[in-house]
C-alpha cells in the first residue's frame, strides 16, 4: 500500500466532526478532548510533512491544554530548534484539520507535498503529553498518523511542555557547535541544576519558596528536579511543593495554578502562606509561572510576568555592565498590551532599557526578542524567557575579564545562559532564575514588590457569539472593528486618571478579554466593567 492508501484507510477511524471548524492558534489546537481525535491524527500528518520539509530533522508534538479545565486537551508542534511552529505553517494545520472527508484530507496532504516540493526523506518525530486522562487516547491518534506516513518516532511519555521543547532542540543540535545539551529528561535536570549552582556562586537563598503545581505535570517534574539541586543542609534552596496531585485528573487547575492566581488576584486556598513568605504557581503544563506573597497586613501581592521581566532585565543589564560587556550587549524587553503601565514606565525611566510592544502570544514575543542581543520577554500571565543571540553568546563566552569583579559577573552571566531555557517559557527554569537573582540582591518578595507600584488593573472575560468580528491593531491595543467601538472605549478611558483599556479576542474560545487599569482599584474595576459592557453589546 502507498502512503496515500494508508492515510485514507486510517483516517476513516478518526472522522472529523461535521459541525466543527478548527483553528490553529498561538496554543496550537485546544478544545474539548472529545473533539480532538481527528485533529490530532491530522497534526501527526503535518508533523511528518514538516520533518520532510526540514530534510528529516526532528519535529516535536506536545499534547496538552495548559491551564484549561481537565476535560479539555490540545496539540501543538515544536520546530527543530525548540521554537513554536513557523507561523506560515499554521494555515496548513488549519486546512488539514478542516478537510471534511478522508478524500479531501488526502488532497490537502498531497497538495502540501507538491507545494513545498518535499523530498522522499524519512520523517522523525518526538512527542509527549501532560497528565490529562484523554492524553493516552490522543497519543493513539497521533501514532496512527505517524505509522501511516512511515515516520520514525519516540514517545517521551509525561513531560512538561518546555522539557519537550528542550529535548527537540537537543536532538537536532547533537554533534554541532550549537549542541544544546543531553536530549533526555535527566539531561534537562542535570543541565538546569548545574547552571543554578554555578549562578548562585555560593549565595544563600533568603528563605524557601512554596510552589503550587496546579495538580499538573509540573508537580512530579519539579520533585525530580529538586533531587538534582544542592540540599537544604548545604545551603540549598528549600522548595515546598503543593498541589501536585496527578492521580485525580479532575483536580488539574482547580482552585490553583498560575491562571487562577493571576485572574483571581488571590492565592490558592491550599497555599497557607505566612506573611512575607515567597510563593509561586505554575500552570498545568509548567510553561508559565507567577509569584506572590501576603504582606505584613495579610494583603495579597502578585509578582507576575511584568515583575519577572523587570527583575531579569535589571539583573542581566547590571551583570553585563559589571562584566565589562555593557557596550557590547544590547539588552531589551518585549511586552504586550497586558503589561502594567507602571512596569513599562519603570523599564524606560529607571532601567533605561528599550521596549518593543507586540501582539499577545509567545510566538510574537519570542520573534521580537531576537531583535536584541539579550531579549527579555514575559507576558503578564508569567509565560516568558530570555533569549541570548548567537553574537551575545560568543561575546559572553570569549570575553577576557579585566578584574576579579568582572570575572565573577561574567561567570554568573555564563551560568544564566545555561540555566535559562531559551527555547520557550519554562516555569521550572524561570523559578530558579528568580531565586538566583533574589539571592544575589539579598531580597525577599517585599523588596522585589517595592521596585515600582502597579496600577490597579482588572481582566474580565466576556462571552460573545463570534470573536472573529473583533479586529485588533496596534499590537492589539486598539480595535478597528466593529466600527466605532474604539472611539467609545477611548471616550470611557478619558474619564479615568491613568486610565487604559483594550479588548482582544481569545485565541482559544468565543470570548473577549477586556483589560483595564486606572489610578485606583475602584476606577479600574469600573472601567473594566463599562468596556466589557460595550464589548458584550457589540458581540451579541
Protein backbone atom coordinates (compact mmCIF):
# COMPACT_ATOMS: atom_id res chain seq x y z
CA UNK A 1 0.00 0.00 0.00
CA UNK A 2 1.06 3.59 -0.67
CA UNK A 3 1.14 6.35 1.93
CA UNK A 4 -1.96 7.73 0.23
CA UNK A 5 -3.81 4.44 0.76
CA UNK A 6 -2.61 4.19 4.35
CA UNK A 7 -3.83 7.71 5.16
CA UNK A 8 -7.21 7.01 3.58
CA UNK A 9 -7.63 3.76 5.50
CA UNK A 10 -6.51 5.04 8.89
CA UNK A 11 -8.23 8.45 8.60
CA UNK A 12 -11.58 6.66 8.46
CA UNK A 13 -11.04 5.67 12.12
CA UNK A 14 -10.78 9.36 13.10
CA UNK A 15 -13.61 11.14 11.27
CA UNK A 16 -13.84 14.92 11.51
CA UNK A 17 -16.91 16.14 13.46
CA UNK A 18 -19.03 17.69 10.69
CA UNK A 19 -20.31 20.64 12.73
CA UNK A 20 -16.91 21.89 13.98
CA UNK A 21 -14.37 24.25 12.45
CA UNK A 22 -10.85 24.22 13.87
CA UNK A 23 -8.22 26.95 14.02
CA UNK A 24 -4.51 26.52 14.81
CA UNK A 25 -3.52 29.45 17.04
CA UNK A 26 -0.80 30.51 19.44
CA UNK A 27 -1.57 27.49 21.65
CA UNK A 28 -1.96 25.12 18.69
CA UNK A 29 -5.36 23.42 18.70
CA UNK A 30 -7.15 23.46 22.05
CA UNK A 31 -10.74 22.39 22.84
CA UNK A 32 -12.89 19.71 24.46
CA UNK A 33 -10.87 16.48 24.32
CA UNK A 34 -13.83 14.60 22.81
CA UNK A 35 -13.47 16.67 19.62
CA UNK A 36 -9.73 16.21 19.20
CA UNK A 37 -9.18 12.71 17.75
CA UNK A 38 -9.36 13.74 14.09
CA UNK A 39 -7.38 16.91 14.81
CA UNK A 40 -4.50 15.06 16.50
CA UNK A 41 -4.43 12.48 13.69
CA UNK A 42 -4.08 15.29 11.15
CA UNK A 43 -1.46 17.11 13.22
CA UNK A 44 0.50 13.85 13.05
CA UNK A 45 0.36 14.07 9.26
CA UNK A 46 1.57 17.66 9.44
CA UNK A 47 4.44 16.73 11.78
CA UNK A 48 5.65 14.18 9.23
CA UNK A 49 5.38 16.74 6.42
CA UNK A 50 7.22 19.37 8.48
CA UNK A 51 10.04 16.92 9.19
CA UNK A 52 10.36 16.16 5.47
CA UNK A 53 10.37 19.91 4.75
CA UNK A 54 13.22 20.23 7.27
CA UNK A 55 15.11 17.42 5.50
CA UNK A 56 14.37 14.80 8.14
CA UNK A 57 15.06 16.94 11.21
CA UNK A 58 13.12 16.01 14.32
CA UNK A 59 9.77 17.72 14.97
CA UNK A 60 8.11 17.73 18.38
CA UNK A 61 4.41 17.19 19.13
CA UNK A 62 3.03 18.17 22.55
CA UNK A 63 -0.41 17.04 23.70
CA UNK A 64 -1.55 19.47 26.38
CA UNK A 65 -4.15 22.12 27.17
CA UNK A 66 -2.06 24.01 29.71
CA UNK A 67 -4.31 26.00 32.09
CA UNK A 68 -7.61 24.81 30.55
CA UNK A 69 -10.09 22.62 32.51
CA UNK A 70 -9.38 18.86 32.81
CA UNK A 71 -11.91 17.88 30.12
CA UNK A 72 -10.07 19.93 27.50
CA UNK A 73 -6.93 18.97 25.66
CA UNK A 74 -4.82 20.30 22.83
CA UNK A 75 -1.94 19.66 20.49
CA UNK A 76 0.87 21.79 19.09
CA UNK A 77 4.02 21.34 17.04
CA UNK A 78 7.59 22.17 18.03
CA UNK A 79 10.09 23.15 15.32
CA UNK A 80 13.66 21.75 15.21
CA UNK A 81 15.32 24.43 17.34
CA UNK A 82 12.67 24.04 20.03
CA UNK A 83 10.68 27.03 18.86
CA UNK A 84 6.96 27.26 18.06
CA UNK A 85 5.76 26.08 14.64
CA UNK A 86 6.66 28.59 11.92
CA UNK A 87 3.68 30.94 11.51
CA UNK A 88 3.23 30.27 7.77
CA UNK A 89 2.59 26.58 8.53
CA UNK A 90 -0.26 27.30 10.93
CA UNK A 91 -2.55 27.70 7.92
CA UNK A 92 -1.53 24.21 6.73
CA UNK A 93 -2.53 22.79 10.11
CA UNK A 94 -5.89 24.53 9.88
CA UNK A 95 -6.52 23.24 6.33
CA UNK A 96 -5.68 19.67 7.25
CA UNK A 97 -7.83 19.79 10.39
CA UNK A 98 -10.86 21.09 8.49
CA UNK A 99 -10.76 18.79 5.44
CA UNK A 100 -14.36 17.47 5.51
CA UNK A 101 -13.68 13.92 4.29
CA UNK A 102 -10.86 11.38 4.10
CA UNK A 103 -10.54 12.01 0.35
CA UNK A 104 -10.39 15.77 0.90
CA UNK A 105 -7.73 15.22 3.56
CA UNK A 106 -5.52 13.29 1.13
CA UNK A 107 -5.95 16.03 -1.49
CA UNK A 108 -4.76 18.68 1.03
CA UNK A 109 -1.87 16.42 2.13
CA UNK A 110 -0.69 15.77 -1.45
CA UNK A 111 -1.06 19.44 -2.34
CA UNK A 112 1.28 20.36 0.53
CA UNK A 113 3.82 17.74 -0.64
CA UNK A 114 3.75 19.28 -4.13
CA UNK A 115 3.62 22.91 -2.98
CA UNK A 116 6.76 22.50 -0.86
CA UNK A 117 8.44 20.09 -3.27
CA UNK A 118 9.02 17.70 -0.37
CA UNK A 119 11.75 15.12 -0.79
CA UNK A 120 11.11 11.48 0.00
CA UNK A 121 13.09 11.52 3.26
CA UNK A 122 12.13 9.65 6.41
CA UNK A 123 10.24 11.88 8.86
CA UNK A 124 11.36 11.98 12.51
CA UNK A 125 9.01 12.98 15.32
CA UNK A 126 9.15 13.05 19.14
CA UNK A 127 6.10 13.56 21.32
CA UNK A 128 4.96 13.86 24.92
CA UNK A 129 1.81 14.70 26.86
CA UNK A 130 0.63 16.20 30.13
CA UNK A 131 -1.36 14.34 32.80
CA UNK A 132 -4.88 14.68 31.34
CA UNK A 133 -6.95 11.50 31.22
CA UNK A 134 -7.55 11.94 27.46
CA UNK A 135 -3.81 12.01 26.68
CA UNK A 136 -3.20 8.29 26.04
CA UNK A 137 -6.19 8.06 23.67
CA UNK A 138 -4.99 11.07 21.67
CA UNK A 139 -1.48 9.63 21.51
CA UNK A 140 -3.11 6.68 19.72
CA UNK A 141 -4.48 9.03 17.04
CA UNK A 142 -1.06 10.67 16.69
CA UNK A 143 0.87 7.42 16.27
CA UNK A 144 -1.70 6.17 13.75
CA UNK A 145 -0.79 9.14 11.54
CA UNK A 146 2.94 8.66 12.07
CA UNK A 147 2.67 4.99 11.13
CA UNK A 148 0.63 5.87 8.03
CA UNK A 149 3.35 8.30 6.88
CA UNK A 150 6.19 5.86 7.68
CA UNK A 151 7.67 8.23 10.26
CA UNK A 152 10.22 7.24 12.89
CA UNK A 153 9.06 8.40 16.31
CA UNK A 154 9.88 8.34 20.02
CA UNK A 155 7.39 8.59 22.89
CA UNK A 156 8.75 10.69 25.79
CA UNK A 157 5.55 10.00 27.75
CA UNK A 158 4.82 12.56 30.52
CA UNK A 159 6.80 15.80 30.21
CA UNK A 160 6.28 19.49 30.78
CA UNK A 161 5.88 21.39 27.52
CA UNK A 162 9.27 23.15 27.94
CA UNK A 163 11.00 19.81 28.51
CA UNK A 164 9.79 18.59 25.11
CA UNK A 165 10.98 21.85 23.50
CA UNK A 166 14.37 21.34 25.19
CA UNK A 167 14.67 17.72 24.04
CA UNK A 168 13.66 18.59 20.47
CA UNK A 169 16.41 21.22 20.26
CA UNK A 170 18.99 18.93 21.87
CA UNK A 171 18.27 16.14 19.39
CA UNK A 172 18.62 18.46 16.41
CA UNK A 173 21.84 20.11 17.60
CA UNK A 174 23.75 16.99 18.68
CA UNK A 175 27.29 16.96 17.33
CA UNK A 176 27.15 20.58 16.15
CA UNK A 177 28.79 23.74 17.56
CA UNK A 178 25.30 24.66 18.84
CA UNK A 179 24.86 21.49 20.95
CA UNK A 180 22.15 22.40 23.47
CA UNK A 181 22.52 19.52 25.92
CA UNK A 182 21.78 15.85 26.59
CA UNK A 183 18.42 15.01 24.91
CA UNK A 184 16.79 13.27 27.87
CA UNK A 185 14.65 14.26 30.82
CA UNK A 186 17.59 13.56 33.14
CA UNK A 187 19.83 15.66 30.89
CA UNK A 188 17.42 18.56 31.37
CA UNK A 189 17.61 18.24 35.18
CA UNK A 190 21.39 17.92 35.19
CA UNK A 191 21.95 20.96 32.96
CA UNK A 192 19.46 23.12 34.86
CA UNK A 193 20.74 22.13 38.32
CA UNK A 194 24.43 22.56 37.43
CA UNK A 195 23.76 26.02 35.98
CA UNK A 196 21.74 27.01 39.05
CA UNK A 197 24.60 26.02 41.36
CA UNK A 198 27.13 27.99 39.27
CA UNK A 199 24.86 31.05 39.06
CA UNK A 200 24.34 31.11 42.84
CA UNK A 201 28.12 31.42 43.38
CA UNK A 202 27.74 30.31 46.98
CA UNK A 203 24.97 32.79 47.81
CA UNK A 204 22.46 31.53 50.35
CA UNK A 205 18.77 31.74 49.39
CA UNK A 206 16.77 34.13 51.54
CA UNK A 207 14.28 31.59 52.86
CA UNK A 208 12.39 28.93 50.94
CA UNK A 209 9.67 29.07 48.29
CA UNK A 210 6.27 27.33 48.19
CA UNK A 211 5.36 26.19 44.68
CA UNK A 212 1.76 25.41 43.63
CA UNK A 213 2.00 22.97 40.70
CA UNK A 214 -1.67 23.26 39.56
CA UNK A 215 -2.07 19.48 40.10
CA UNK A 216 -0.40 19.12 36.71
CA UNK A 217 2.70 17.56 35.20
CA UNK A 218 4.92 20.26 36.75
CA UNK A 219 4.48 18.63 40.19
CA UNK A 220 6.30 15.33 39.62
CA UNK A 221 8.84 17.03 37.34
CA UNK A 222 9.71 19.66 39.95
CA UNK A 223 10.12 16.88 42.52
CA UNK A 224 12.60 15.21 40.15
CA UNK A 225 14.49 18.47 39.57
CA UNK A 226 14.82 19.04 43.33
CA UNK A 227 16.78 15.75 43.58
CA UNK A 228 19.50 17.31 41.41
CA UNK A 229 19.71 20.61 43.33
CA UNK A 230 22.00 21.24 46.33
CA UNK A 231 20.24 20.02 49.51
CA UNK A 232 18.94 22.45 52.13
CA UNK A 233 21.57 21.11 54.55
CA UNK A 234 24.22 22.53 52.20
CA UNK A 235 22.60 25.97 51.97
CA UNK A 236 20.46 24.84 49.04
CA UNK A 237 17.05 26.25 48.19
CA UNK A 238 14.10 24.84 50.13
CA UNK A 239 11.23 24.18 47.70
CA UNK A 240 7.91 23.26 49.31
CA UNK A 241 5.65 21.64 46.71
CA UNK A 242 1.84 21.86 46.96
CA UNK A 243 -0.96 20.91 44.55
CA UNK A 244 0.93 18.07 42.87
CA UNK A 245 -1.92 15.51 42.75
CA UNK A 246 -1.76 13.95 39.27
CA UNK A 247 -3.71 10.83 40.30
CA UNK A 248 -7.05 12.68 40.30
CA UNK A 249 -7.33 14.28 36.83
CA UNK A 250 -10.36 16.38 37.83
CA UNK A 251 -8.15 18.40 40.23
CA UNK A 252 -5.99 19.80 37.41
CA UNK A 253 -6.08 23.64 37.51
CA UNK A 254 -8.95 23.52 40.02
CA UNK A 255 -8.68 26.36 42.57
CA UNK A 256 -4.96 26.52 41.87
CA UNK A 257 -2.36 27.29 39.21
CA UNK A 258 -0.92 30.43 37.62
CA UNK A 259 -4.12 31.35 35.75
CA UNK A 260 -6.25 31.05 38.91
CA UNK A 261 -3.84 33.33 40.80
CA UNK A 262 -3.39 35.91 38.04
CA UNK A 263 -7.07 36.13 37.11
CA UNK A 264 -8.46 35.99 40.65
CA UNK A 265 -5.71 38.11 42.21
CA UNK A 266 -5.55 35.74 45.16
CA UNK A 267 -3.53 32.81 46.47
CA UNK A 268 -4.79 29.25 46.03
CA UNK A 269 -6.73 28.15 49.15
CA UNK A 270 -4.17 25.38 49.68
CA UNK A 271 -1.10 27.63 49.81
CA UNK A 272 -1.48 28.54 53.52
CA UNK A 273 1.33 31.06 53.13
CA UNK A 274 2.53 33.04 56.12
CA UNK A 275 3.06 36.81 55.73
CA UNK A 276 6.12 37.69 53.59
CA UNK A 277 6.66 34.02 52.59
CA UNK A 278 7.60 33.63 48.94
CA UNK A 279 5.11 31.64 46.83
CA UNK A 280 4.81 30.70 43.17
CA UNK A 281 2.23 29.00 40.95
CA UNK A 282 2.84 27.05 37.74
CA UNK A 283 0.22 26.35 35.10
CA UNK A 284 -0.94 22.89 34.00
CA UNK A 285 1.97 22.15 31.64
CA UNK A 286 4.60 24.21 33.52
CA UNK A 287 5.41 26.74 30.82
CA UNK A 288 4.44 29.75 32.91
CA UNK A 289 4.87 30.93 36.49
CA UNK A 290 3.75 33.80 38.70
CA UNK A 291 4.98 34.70 42.21
CA UNK A 292 3.07 36.24 45.11
CA UNK A 293 3.09 36.80 48.85
CA UNK A 294 0.92 38.09 51.69
CA UNK A 295 2.23 41.37 53.10
CA UNK A 296 2.52 42.22 56.81
CA UNK A 297 -1.16 43.28 56.83
CA UNK A 298 -2.18 39.99 55.15
CA UNK A 299 -2.90 41.66 51.79
CA UNK A 300 -2.27 39.58 48.65
CA UNK A 301 0.59 40.89 46.47
CA UNK A 302 1.07 39.49 42.96
CA UNK A 303 4.52 39.34 41.32
CA UNK A 304 3.56 38.48 37.75
CA UNK A 305 5.33 38.24 34.40
CA UNK A 306 5.91 42.01 34.30
CA UNK A 307 7.74 41.74 37.64
CA UNK A 308 9.81 38.77 36.46
CA UNK A 309 10.75 40.65 33.27
CA UNK A 310 11.86 43.79 35.13
CA UNK A 311 13.79 41.71 37.70
CA UNK A 312 15.60 39.70 35.00
CA UNK A 313 16.29 42.70 32.75
CA UNK A 314 17.64 44.73 35.66
CA UNK A 315 19.93 41.91 36.85
CA UNK A 316 21.22 40.93 33.40
CA UNK A 317 21.78 44.59 32.49
CA UNK A 318 23.77 45.13 35.71
CA UNK A 319 25.76 41.93 35.16
CA UNK A 320 26.62 42.94 31.59
CA UNK A 321 27.97 46.27 32.77
CA UNK A 322 29.90 44.86 35.74
CA UNK A 323 31.39 42.15 33.49
CA UNK A 324 32.69 44.83 31.13
CA UNK A 325 30.23 43.98 28.35
CA UNK A 326 27.83 46.90 28.82
CA UNK A 327 28.69 48.49 25.48
CA UNK A 328 28.76 45.16 23.64
CA UNK A 329 25.36 43.73 24.64
CA UNK A 330 22.07 45.45 23.81
CA UNK A 331 19.57 44.29 26.46
CA UNK A 332 15.89 44.95 25.70
CA UNK A 333 12.43 43.99 26.93
CA UNK A 334 9.39 42.80 24.95
CA UNK A 335 5.91 43.37 26.35
CA UNK A 336 2.29 43.03 25.27
CA UNK A 337 -0.67 45.32 25.84
CA UNK A 338 -1.36 43.36 29.05
CA UNK A 339 1.84 44.69 30.67
CA UNK A 340 1.04 47.03 33.54
CA UNK A 341 1.69 50.65 32.62
CA UNK A 342 3.80 51.09 35.75
CA UNK A 343 6.19 48.33 34.61
CA UNK A 344 6.58 49.96 31.20
CA UNK A 345 7.43 53.28 32.85
CA UNK A 346 9.90 51.57 35.23
CA UNK A 347 11.76 49.87 32.35
CA UNK A 348 12.07 53.02 30.26
CA UNK A 349 12.57 55.62 33.01
CA UNK A 350 14.51 53.71 35.69
CA UNK A 351 16.24 50.81 33.93
CA UNK A 352 16.77 52.93 30.78
CA UNK A 353 16.14 49.91 28.56
CA UNK A 354 14.35 49.80 25.18
CA UNK A 355 10.92 48.15 24.89
CA UNK A 356 9.08 46.56 21.97
CA UNK A 357 5.31 46.10 22.34
CA UNK A 358 3.91 43.22 20.31
CA UNK A 359 0.79 41.09 19.88
CA UNK A 360 -0.17 38.65 22.63
CA UNK A 361 1.20 35.14 22.21
CA UNK A 362 4.62 33.69 22.87
CA UNK A 363 5.45 33.34 19.17
CA UNK A 364 5.16 37.13 18.71
CA UNK A 365 7.21 37.96 21.81
CA UNK A 366 9.86 35.37 21.02
CA UNK A 367 10.32 36.75 17.50
CA UNK A 368 10.56 40.36 18.74
CA UNK A 369 13.08 39.37 21.44
CA UNK A 370 15.51 38.15 18.77
CA UNK A 371 15.97 41.79 17.70
CA UNK A 372 18.09 42.37 20.85
CA UNK A 373 21.42 40.81 21.83
CA UNK A 374 19.67 39.81 25.04
CA UNK A 375 15.88 39.87 24.72
CA UNK A 376 13.76 39.53 27.86
CA UNK A 377 10.12 38.68 27.29
CA UNK A 378 7.36 37.74 29.71
CA UNK A 379 3.65 38.06 29.24
CA UNK A 380 1.88 39.36 32.33
CA UNK A 381 0.49 35.83 32.82
CA UNK A 382 4.02 34.60 33.60
CA UNK A 383 4.88 33.00 30.26
CA UNK A 384 8.32 34.02 29.07
CA UNK A 385 12.07 33.59 28.92
CA UNK A 386 15.31 35.34 27.99
CA UNK A 387 16.96 34.87 24.59
CA UNK A 388 20.68 35.36 24.00
CA UNK A 389 21.64 35.89 20.35
CA UNK A 390 24.48 33.85 18.84
CA UNK A 391 26.60 37.00 18.84
CA UNK A 392 25.82 37.64 22.52
CA UNK A 393 26.73 34.04 23.43
CA UNK A 394 30.00 34.38 21.53
CA UNK A 395 30.88 37.64 23.26
CA UNK A 396 29.97 36.31 26.71
CA UNK A 397 31.91 33.10 26.06
CA UNK A 398 35.10 34.68 24.68
CA UNK A 399 35.40 37.90 26.70
CA UNK A 400 38.55 38.15 28.82
CA UNK A 401 37.74 39.80 32.18
CA UNK A 402 39.99 42.64 33.33
CA UNK A 403 39.48 42.21 37.09
CA UNK A 404 38.22 39.67 39.67
CA UNK A 405 34.92 41.59 39.88
CA UNK A 406 34.46 41.36 36.11
CA UNK A 407 35.36 37.67 36.26
CA UNK A 408 32.66 36.90 38.86
CA UNK A 409 29.96 38.79 36.95
CA UNK A 410 30.99 37.05 33.74
CA UNK A 411 30.76 33.60 35.37
CA UNK A 412 27.26 34.35 36.64
CA UNK A 413 26.22 35.62 33.19
CA UNK A 414 27.59 32.47 31.55
CA UNK A 415 25.72 30.30 34.05
CA UNK A 416 22.46 32.16 33.28
CA UNK A 417 22.80 31.32 29.58
CA UNK A 418 22.70 27.66 30.63
CA UNK A 419 20.06 27.98 33.36
CA UNK A 420 17.50 29.78 31.18
CA UNK A 421 15.55 27.57 28.76
CA UNK A 422 15.87 29.73 25.66
CA UNK A 423 13.54 27.60 23.53
CA UNK A 424 10.33 28.68 25.25
CA UNK A 425 8.90 29.93 28.56
CA UNK A 426 9.76 27.36 31.23
CA UNK A 427 8.27 27.64 34.73
CA UNK A 428 10.93 25.43 36.34
CA UNK A 429 13.97 27.26 34.97
CA UNK A 430 12.25 30.63 35.46
CA UNK A 431 11.62 29.68 39.11
CA UNK A 432 15.34 29.09 39.62
CA UNK A 433 16.30 32.22 37.67
CA UNK A 434 14.22 34.36 40.02
CA UNK A 435 15.72 32.60 43.05
CA UNK A 436 19.25 33.29 41.78
CA UNK A 437 18.50 37.00 41.34
CA UNK A 438 16.81 37.39 44.73
CA UNK A 439 19.74 35.61 46.43
CA UNK A 440 22.30 37.91 44.78
CA UNK A 441 20.28 41.01 45.63
CA UNK A 442 19.54 39.80 49.15
CA UNK A 443 15.85 40.47 48.53
CA UNK A 444 12.67 38.91 49.76
CA UNK A 445 9.33 39.36 47.95
CA UNK A 446 8.66 42.69 49.68
CA UNK A 447 11.83 44.32 48.31
CA UNK A 448 11.04 42.94 44.85
CA UNK A 449 7.49 44.31 45.07
CA UNK A 450 8.79 47.74 46.12
CA UNK A 451 10.65 48.35 42.84
CA UNK A 452 7.52 50.05 41.46
CA UNK A 453 3.81 50.28 42.29
CA UNK A 454 1.45 48.54 39.88
CA UNK A 455 -1.51 50.50 38.63
CA UNK A 456 -4.68 48.72 39.84
CA UNK A 457 -5.99 46.57 36.99
CA UNK A 458 -8.73 44.16 36.13
CA UNK A 459 -9.02 41.45 33.47
CA UNK A 460 -12.57 40.43 32.50
CA UNK A 461 -13.73 37.59 30.27
CA UNK A 462 -16.75 38.39 28.06
CA UNK A 463 -18.55 35.64 26.12
CA UNK A 464 -19.55 36.67 22.58
CA UNK A 465 -21.34 34.93 19.71
CA UNK A 466 -18.38 35.29 17.31
CA UNK A 467 -15.00 36.60 18.43
CA UNK A 468 -13.86 36.96 14.80
CA UNK A 469 -15.87 40.17 14.29
CA UNK A 470 -13.40 41.94 16.60
CA UNK A 471 -10.26 43.01 14.71
CA UNK A 472 -7.36 44.41 16.75
CA UNK A 473 -4.50 46.65 15.55
CA UNK A 474 -1.52 48.48 17.12
CA UNK A 475 -0.17 45.41 18.97
CA UNK A 476 -3.79 44.62 20.00
CA UNK A 477 -4.15 47.89 21.88
CA UNK A 478 -6.98 49.15 19.64
CA UNK A 479 -9.99 47.69 17.80
CA UNK A 480 -10.61 48.69 14.19
CA UNK A 481 -13.84 46.69 14.07
CA UNK A 482 -16.70 46.59 14.82
CA UNK A 483 -16.78 50.19 13.51
CA UNK A 484 -16.98 52.88 16.19
CA UNK A 485 -16.25 50.68 19.22
CA UNK A 486 -12.71 52.04 19.72
CA UNK A 487 -13.99 55.62 19.88
CA UNK A 488 -16.45 54.52 22.58
CA UNK A 489 -13.64 52.81 24.54
CA UNK A 490 -11.43 55.92 24.20
CA UNK A 491 -14.29 58.04 25.49
CA UNK A 492 -14.60 55.90 28.61
CA UNK A 493 -10.82 55.75 29.22
CA UNK A 494 -10.55 59.55 29.11
CA UNK A 495 -12.78 59.81 32.19
CA UNK A 496 -10.31 58.00 34.49
CA UNK A 497 -6.95 59.10 35.89
CA UNK A 498 -4.14 56.93 34.43
CA UNK A 499 -6.88 55.08 32.55
CA UNK A 500 -6.04 52.50 29.89
CA UNK A 501 -8.20 49.73 28.47
CA UNK A 502 -8.33 47.41 25.49
CA UNK A 503 -10.26 44.35 24.31
CA UNK A 504 -8.90 41.44 22.32
CA UNK A 505 -10.29 38.12 21.14
CA UNK A 506 -9.33 34.95 22.99
CA UNK A 507 -7.16 32.63 20.94
CA UNK A 508 -8.95 29.52 22.14
CA UNK A 509 -12.67 30.24 22.67
CA UNK A 510 -15.55 32.53 21.62
CA UNK A 511 -14.78 35.10 24.26
CA UNK A 512 -13.14 38.50 24.55
CA UNK A 513 -10.59 39.55 27.15
CA UNK A 514 -11.08 43.09 28.45
CA UNK A 515 -8.17 44.67 30.33
CA UNK A 516 -8.38 47.94 32.23
CA UNK A 517 -6.12 49.88 34.57
CA UNK A 518 -6.54 53.16 36.40
CA UNK A 519 -5.27 55.14 39.40
CA UNK A 520 -7.49 53.34 41.96
CA UNK A 521 -8.93 49.85 42.33
CA UNK A 522 -12.50 51.13 42.15
CA UNK A 523 -11.81 53.07 38.95
CA UNK A 524 -10.03 50.10 37.31
CA UNK A 525 -12.97 47.81 38.15
CA UNK A 526 -15.48 50.39 36.94
CA UNK A 527 -13.62 50.98 33.67
CA UNK A 528 -13.29 47.23 33.03
CA UNK A 529 -17.00 46.71 33.69
CA UNK A 530 -18.05 49.51 31.32
CA UNK A 531 -15.73 48.42 28.49
CA UNK A 532 -16.93 44.83 28.98
CA UNK A 533 -20.49 46.11 28.59
CA UNK A 534 -19.59 47.76 25.27
CA UNK A 535 -17.94 44.57 24.03
CA UNK A 536 -20.87 42.40 25.14
CA UNK A 537 -23.29 44.66 23.30
CA UNK A 538 -21.19 44.72 20.13
CA UNK A 539 -20.71 40.95 20.17
CA UNK A 540 -24.28 39.90 20.85
